[in-house]
Structures are given as structure tokens and as C-alpha cells.
Amino acid sequence: MSDLYISWTEYHKYIETLIVQIYQSQWEFDQIVCLAKGGLRIGDILCRLYKKPLAILYITSYLGRNNQIREKIQFSNHLAMIGQSLGHRILLVDDLVDSGMSLQEGTQWLYNYDCNQKIIEIRSAVLWYKSCSAVKPDYYVEYLENNPWIHQPFECYEQTTPENIANGFNNHYLY
């Protein structure tokens, strides 16, 4: 498996490209749900630009050394959001789609969570869509045929500590 290294500049350009795709589709949504942790930054920016409420669903499927071992998908018990219910048209956001299980099961989780609200439609948006995925997202910036391991700019924080930053080590990650 190859590796793809993404800088902060590239990361933000990918988000802006995704924003343009969603905008040009003219799809009207009334709720953004991001899958945390990967979709948090993207969901935050979309929420600010579109002025739509943001909900957060924590989901994890990677454990072990360097978070490169796939485990069973686990969801939080609750959805973090302001308000009592979700919107009818939901934009489900994550950073990437690898196997596709997070998007598939996240979509199902939302339908089960809000069964009385009658969700009309859920569309998905990611930055990277890998060819090994069982699901094609509705919006994506780059299709990755070779399924590389993506190294995102914020991952450096998983390899350091607050003490290191306070002592001046690794502070190049801050910029």
C-alpha cells in the first residue's frame, strides 16, 4: 500500500473543492452530520459557510499501533446536536471513505436514531474516495484507485504531547 501525505494547505483546498461541488449540485439540505473524528473539521467549515446546524456522531473503526488496524465499527450512544431532532435532508460528512462501512452504517444509524422524524434523504460528502470502498459517496474530491494510506496534517498531534509543545518541541506542527 502506498502513502499519500497531505499538507494543511492541500487539506483546506480539498475542503473548498468539496464545498464547490456541493454548492454546484444545488441540493438543499437542512442538517450536517459529521462522523468524528475525521469529519469534524470539514463539518465545522460547512456549518459555518452554509449556516446549517451541525450534529456530531462519534464513530471509530481503527485501533492499534498508529491507528492502522481496522476493528469492528463502534458508534457513540448519542448524537451531539442542538435541537430536539434532525433535519429531513442530511449531509453526512467524513474525511474519507475506505471500506465504506462507516458511511453505510452511519447512514443506517441515523435512520434508526431519528425514526419518528422521517428523514427524507441522506447524502454523503468526503474528501477522498478509495476504490476499495463498497460505497460511492455522493460528493468527493479525489478518487484514489491505488487505495493509499492517507497521512493528514493533524495526525502529527497523535505523536506528541502537550509537554513537548510547551517545551518548544514539535511546534512546527502549529503552522
Foldseek 3Di string as FASTA:
>chain_A
DAEAEAAPVRLVVLLVVLVVVVVVVVDDAAEEEEEPPQFVVSQVVCCVVVVHWYKYKYKAQFDDDLSPDGHDIDTDPDIDTPDDAHTQEYEYEGAEAQQQVCVVVVVVVNCVVHVVNHRNYYFYEYAEYEPNYPDDGPYYNYYHDVRHHYHYLVSVVVVDDPVCVVVPHPCVSVD
